Amino acid sequence: MTLLRNLRRFARDRSGATVIEYGLIAALLATAIVGGATTLGGSTNDSFTRVSDQVWGASPPPATP
């Protein structure tokens, strides 16, 4: 009888499902943050490269001894 009662109580317990849902939400947010940071980092790098090319193109290269 005790085993059956414990199995019923275990079947009704939903706290484990809540932890899994929070874990899935955290994983989704982490994926979105990494994807956004990667995209933003790439476009920022392109911008800095373009500005650097324009600055070096506007001034003469340093003299070599």
Protein backbone atom coordinates (compact mmCIF):
# COMPACT_ATOMS: atom_id res chain seq x y z
CA MET A 1 0.00 0.00 0.00
CA THR A 2 2.78 2.45 0.85
CA LEU A 3 4.47 1.90 -2.50
CA LEU A 4 1.24 2.57 -4.38
CA ARG A 5 0.58 5.71 -2.33
CA ASN A 6 4.10 6.96 -3.01
CA LEU A 7 3.75 6.32 -6.74
CA ARG A 8 0.50 8.29 -6.84
CA ARG A 9 2.08 11.16 -4.94
CA PHE A 10 5.06 11.09 -7.31
CA ALA A 11 2.74 11.14 -10.34
CA ARG A 12 0.92 14.23 -9.01
CA ASP A 13 4.11 16.13 -8.15
CA ARG A 14 4.78 18.79 -10.79
CA SER A 15 7.82 20.51 -9.27
CA GLY A 16 10.21 18.58 -11.52
CA ALA A 17 8.36 19.73 -14.62
CA THR A 18 8.68 23.33 -13.47
CA VAL A 19 12.45 22.99 -13.09
CA ILE A 20 12.71 21.53 -16.58
CA GLU A 21 10.61 24.37 -18.02
CA TYR A 22 12.83 26.97 -16.37
CA GLY A 23 15.88 25.16 -17.71
CA LEU A 24 14.47 25.22 -21.24
CA ILE A 25 13.68 28.93 -20.96
CA ALA A 26 17.21 29.64 -19.72
CA ALA A 27 18.69 27.63 -22.61
CA LEU A 28 16.54 29.53 -25.12
CA LEU A 29 17.59 32.88 -23.66
CA ALA A 30 21.25 31.86 -23.68
CA THR A 31 20.98 30.83 -27.33
CA ALA A 32 19.35 34.14 -28.23
CA ILE A 33 22.01 36.12 -26.35
CA VAL A 34 24.88 34.24 -28.00
CA GLY A 35 23.32 34.64 -31.44
CA GLY A 36 22.73 38.35 -30.91
CA ALA A 37 26.22 38.93 -29.56
CA THR A 38 27.75 37.08 -32.51
CA THR A 39 25.77 39.13 -35.01
CA LEU A 40 26.45 42.40 -33.22
CA GLY A 41 30.14 41.56 -32.84
CA GLY A 42 30.49 40.82 -36.54
CA SER A 43 28.82 44.05 -37.64
CA THR A 44 30.81 46.06 -35.08
CA ASN A 45 34.04 44.53 -36.37
CA ASP A 46 33.06 45.42 -39.93
CA SER A 47 32.38 49.01 -38.88
CA PHE A 48 35.74 49.37 -37.12
CA THR A 49 37.53 47.85 -40.11
CA ARG A 50 35.81 50.26 -42.50
CA VAL A 51 36.71 53.27 -40.31
CA SER A 52 40.30 52.04 -39.94
CA ASP A 53 40.64 51.63 -43.69
CA GLN A 54 39.35 55.16 -44.24
CA VAL A 55 41.70 56.64 -41.63
CA TRP A 56 44.75 54.86 -43.03
CA GLY A 57 43.70 55.76 -46.56
CA ALA A 58 43.41 59.46 -45.67
CA SER A 59 46.86 59.81 -44.15
CA PRO A 60 50.22 58.81 -45.58
CA PRO A 61 51.75 55.62 -44.26
CA PRO A 62 54.43 55.99 -41.60
CA ALA A 63 57.93 56.54 -42.92
CA THR A 64 60.30 53.60 -42.69
CA PRO A 65 63.88 54.38 -41.65
